[in-house]
């Protein structure tokens, strides 16, 4: 299931945006509706409910298991790959609906941002770009140029410099790795002074501009 913000006119592009741990797609659907472009459809899927090791195995909406928030922590490799496949199926669904994959931006916040990066880097479909907020790059040591079909993809990575949950270091490490896989000229890393593990109006404006640049209107 997803929270969907339909295009104001015929949809010629789409944004698929993944929420963070313990959340749903509804809040981000509202936030994206406030910066929407009329020709873009916004899809905010809900993660399945499952136990999360980091939170004493409590069941909550989660894209995959998180064992620890440490740069070198053990990762749920099978869960991450399974979740990425479900996102790629969502992309395929939009392609079947008539929106070509190169007119789709993938994005997400925190755990959702991590999954959006991994999904885009391992997707066969050519994508317009990725918006990765307050997140990290999963399974980064196993990713290389040779396995990536989206080499020219644009990435906007954003992080609050006062984030106590996912430290800005995680974002910097992700960008360093991305620059070895993708064209460094297409990667932007923005930090926001005093911002904790959340979004802010300045960041939402940066996201709006990125989406409008990657998904311009098509003259019909």
Protein backbone atom coordinates (compact mmCIF):
# COMPACT_ATOMS: atom_id res chain seq x y z
CA UNK A 1 0.00 0.00 0.00
CA UNK A 2 1.08 3.57 -0.66
CA UNK A 3 0.05 7.14 0.09
CA UNK A 4 -0.29 8.79 -3.31
CA UNK A 5 -0.34 12.45 -4.34
CA UNK A 6 -1.73 12.37 -7.90
CA UNK A 7 -0.50 14.76 -10.54
CA UNK A 8 -2.63 17.88 -11.01
CA UNK A 9 -2.73 17.11 -14.73
CA UNK A 10 -1.63 14.06 -16.78
CA UNK A 11 1.35 12.50 -14.96
CA UNK A 12 4.48 12.44 -17.13
CA UNK A 13 6.90 11.80 -14.26
CA UNK A 14 6.91 10.22 -10.81
CA UNK A 15 8.68 10.44 -7.46
CA UNK A 16 8.78 7.29 -5.31
CA UNK A 17 9.69 8.33 -1.76
CA UNK A 18 10.43 5.92 1.12
CA UNK A 19 9.78 6.86 4.76
CA UNK A 20 12.03 6.18 7.74
CA UNK A 21 11.93 3.47 10.41
CA UNK A 22 8.66 3.25 12.36
CA UNK A 23 6.88 5.73 10.09
CA UNK A 24 4.37 5.49 7.22
CA UNK A 25 4.17 7.17 3.83
CA UNK A 26 1.43 9.61 4.90
CA UNK A 27 3.65 12.33 6.43
CA UNK A 28 5.98 12.45 3.45
CA UNK A 29 3.04 12.48 1.03
CA UNK A 30 1.85 15.67 2.80
CA UNK A 31 5.33 17.21 2.74
CA UNK A 32 5.79 16.44 -0.97
CA UNK A 33 2.27 17.73 -1.79
CA UNK A 34 3.44 21.13 -0.51
CA UNK A 35 6.27 21.26 -3.11
CA UNK A 36 4.55 19.32 -5.90
CA UNK A 37 4.99 19.95 -9.59
CA UNK A 38 1.69 19.62 -11.51
CA UNK A 39 2.93 16.94 -13.96
CA UNK A 40 4.51 14.71 -11.27
CA UNK A 41 2.84 11.86 -9.37
CA UNK A 42 4.22 11.22 -5.86
CA UNK A 43 4.12 7.69 -4.42
CA UNK A 44 4.96 7.11 -0.75
CA UNK A 45 4.77 3.37 -0.01
CA UNK A 46 4.36 1.98 3.51
CA UNK A 47 7.03 -0.42 4.78
CA UNK A 48 5.97 -3.85 6.08
CA UNK A 49 5.76 -4.32 9.87
CA UNK A 50 8.57 -6.55 11.16
CA UNK A 51 10.83 -6.97 14.23
CA UNK A 52 13.84 -4.61 14.38
CA UNK A 53 16.96 -5.76 16.25
CA UNK A 54 18.02 -2.18 17.04
CA UNK A 55 14.74 -1.62 18.93
CA UNK A 56 14.80 -4.79 21.08
CA UNK A 57 13.04 -6.79 18.33
CA UNK A 58 9.89 -4.66 18.57
CA UNK A 59 7.73 -4.97 15.46
CA UNK A 60 7.34 -1.71 13.52
CA UNK A 61 7.21 -0.46 9.93
CA UNK A 62 10.69 -1.23 8.60
CA UNK A 63 12.13 -1.82 5.13
CA UNK A 64 14.77 -4.21 6.52
CA UNK A 65 16.32 -5.15 9.86
CA UNK A 66 18.81 -2.75 11.48
CA UNK A 67 21.23 -4.45 13.86
CA UNK A 68 23.17 -1.34 14.92
CA UNK A 69 23.77 2.26 13.85
CA UNK A 70 27.54 2.07 13.53
CA UNK A 71 29.50 2.67 10.29
CA UNK A 72 30.89 -0.88 10.35
CA UNK A 73 27.88 -2.69 11.86
CA UNK A 74 26.66 -6.03 10.58
CA UNK A 75 23.92 -5.49 7.98
CA UNK A 76 20.76 -7.38 7.02
CA UNK A 77 22.01 -8.18 3.52
CA UNK A 78 19.16 -10.50 2.50
CA UNK A 79 16.54 -8.09 3.90
CA UNK A 80 18.08 -5.09 2.10
CA UNK A 81 18.20 -6.96 -1.20
CA UNK A 82 14.63 -8.22 -0.78
CA UNK A 83 13.39 -4.69 -0.02
CA UNK A 84 15.26 -3.29 -3.04
CA UNK A 85 13.53 -5.85 -5.28
CA UNK A 86 10.12 -4.67 -4.00
CA UNK A 87 11.07 -1.06 -4.86
CA UNK A 88 12.19 -2.11 -8.34
CA UNK A 89 8.78 -3.78 -8.80
CA UNK A 90 7.13 -0.45 -7.87
CA UNK A 91 9.25 1.25 -10.55
CA UNK A 92 8.21 -1.42 -13.07
CA UNK A 93 4.57 -0.79 -12.12
CA UNK A 94 4.89 2.91 -12.97
CA UNK A 95 6.60 2.05 -16.27
CA UNK A 96 3.60 -0.17 -17.11
CA UNK A 97 1.38 2.83 -16.23
CA UNK A 98 3.14 4.81 -18.96
CA UNK A 99 5.86 6.69 -17.07
CA UNK A 100 9.32 5.76 -18.42
CA UNK A 101 11.90 4.89 -15.77
CA UNK A 102 14.14 7.81 -16.81
CA UNK A 103 11.25 10.08 -15.71
CA UNK A 104 11.24 8.60 -12.17
CA UNK A 105 13.12 9.99 -9.15
CA UNK A 106 13.64 7.66 -6.20
CA UNK A 107 14.00 9.18 -2.73
CA UNK A 108 13.75 8.56 0.97
CA UNK A 109 14.47 9.63 4.52
CA UNK A 110 16.76 7.78 6.96
CA UNK A 111 16.24 4.02 6.45
CA UNK A 112 14.12 4.87 3.39
CA UNK A 113 16.90 7.07 2.01
CA UNK A 114 19.37 4.24 2.50
CA UNK A 115 17.10 1.86 0.60
CA UNK A 116 16.49 4.38 -2.19
CA UNK A 117 20.25 4.71 -2.76
CA UNK A 118 20.85 0.96 -2.77
CA UNK A 119 17.81 0.28 -4.98
CA UNK A 120 18.85 2.91 -7.55
CA UNK A 121 22.45 1.67 -7.67
CA UNK A 122 21.37 -1.94 -8.24
CA UNK A 123 18.38 -1.29 -10.54
CA UNK A 124 18.39 -2.34 -14.17
CA UNK A 125 16.05 0.56 -14.96
CA UNK A 126 17.57 3.91 -15.88
CA UNK A 127 16.36 6.49 -13.32
CA UNK A 128 16.29 10.29 -13.33
CA UNK A 129 17.90 10.61 -9.90
CA UNK A 130 17.85 9.98 -6.18
CA UNK A 131 17.03 12.21 -3.19
CA UNK A 132 18.72 10.71 -0.11
CA UNK A 133 17.94 12.44 3.21
CA UNK A 134 19.65 11.88 6.58
CA UNK A 135 20.85 8.42 5.61
CA UNK A 136 23.68 6.04 4.83
CA UNK A 137 24.63 3.76 1.93
CA UNK A 138 23.82 0.11 2.75
CA UNK A 139 26.22 -2.70 1.79
CA UNK A 140 28.60 -0.04 0.52
CA UNK A 141 31.63 -2.36 0.49
CA UNK A 142 29.93 -4.71 -1.98
CA UNK A 143 29.00 -1.97 -4.48
CA UNK A 144 31.24 -1.20 -7.46
CA UNK A 145 31.10 0.56 -10.83
CA UNK A 146 30.80 -2.71 -12.71
CA UNK A 147 27.39 -3.60 -11.28
CA UNK A 148 25.75 -0.18 -11.74
CA UNK A 149 23.64 0.65 -14.79
CA UNK A 150 22.77 4.18 -13.56
CA UNK A 151 26.29 5.60 -13.86
CA UNK A 152 25.09 9.06 -14.98
CA UNK A 153 22.35 9.30 -12.35
CA UNK A 154 22.08 12.55 -10.33
CA UNK A 155 22.05 12.31 -6.52
CA UNK A 156 21.00 14.95 -3.99
CA UNK A 157 22.19 13.88 -0.55
CA UNK A 158 21.03 16.02 2.43
CA UNK A 159 21.89 15.81 6.12
CA UNK A 160 21.38 17.89 9.24
CA UNK A 161 24.72 18.68 10.90
CA UNK A 162 23.16 18.14 14.36
CA UNK A 163 21.69 14.68 13.60
CA UNK A 164 22.10 12.53 16.75
CA UNK A 165 20.59 9.34 15.24
CA UNK A 166 22.30 9.05 11.86
CA UNK A 167 25.46 11.17 12.26
CA UNK A 168 26.52 13.39 9.34
CA UNK A 169 29.59 11.14 8.99
CA UNK A 170 27.25 8.48 7.53
CA UNK A 171 26.19 10.90 4.80
CA UNK A 172 29.80 11.88 4.05
CA UNK A 173 30.87 8.21 3.82
CA UNK A 174 27.99 7.56 1.42
CA UNK A 175 29.00 10.48 -0.81
CA UNK A 176 32.64 9.39 -0.86
CA UNK A 177 31.60 5.92 -2.03
CA UNK A 178 29.08 7.28 -4.55
CA UNK A 179 31.82 9.38 -6.14
CA UNK A 180 33.76 6.18 -6.93
CA UNK A 181 30.71 4.60 -8.61
CA UNK A 182 28.89 7.51 -10.30
CA UNK A 183 30.01 10.66 -12.10
CA UNK A 184 31.15 12.93 -9.20
CA UNK A 185 29.83 15.97 -11.10
CA UNK A 186 26.27 14.64 -10.62
CA UNK A 187 26.46 14.28 -6.82
CA UNK A 188 25.45 17.09 -4.45
CA UNK A 189 25.86 16.91 -0.66
CA UNK A 190 24.01 19.57 1.35
CA UNK A 191 24.18 20.01 5.11
CA UNK A 192 21.86 22.15 7.23
CA UNK A 193 23.18 23.91 10.36
CA UNK A 194 21.47 22.89 13.61
CA UNK A 195 19.10 20.42 11.90
CA UNK A 196 18.53 17.18 13.89
CA UNK A 197 17.13 13.94 12.40
CA UNK A 198 14.35 15.65 10.45
CA UNK A 199 13.70 17.90 7.47
CA UNK A 200 13.56 21.71 7.26
CA UNK A 201 12.03 24.25 4.82
CA UNK A 202 15.41 25.03 3.19
CA UNK A 203 15.96 21.31 2.56
CA UNK A 204 12.46 20.93 1.08
CA UNK A 205 13.20 23.81 -1.31
CA UNK A 206 16.45 22.08 -2.38
CA UNK A 207 14.45 18.88 -2.98
CA UNK A 208 11.84 20.81 -5.01
CA UNK A 209 14.53 22.36 -7.23
CA UNK A 210 16.26 19.01 -7.73
CA UNK A 211 13.02 17.27 -8.73
CA UNK A 212 12.06 20.11 -11.10
CA UNK A 213 15.51 19.96 -12.73
CA UNK A 214 15.52 16.17 -13.13
CA UNK A 215 11.83 15.91 -14.14
CA UNK A 216 11.04 18.99 -16.27
CA UNK A 217 7.56 19.27 -17.84
CA UNK A 218 7.09 17.71 -21.27
CA UNK A 219 5.34 19.93 -23.82
CA UNK A 220 2.23 17.99 -24.81
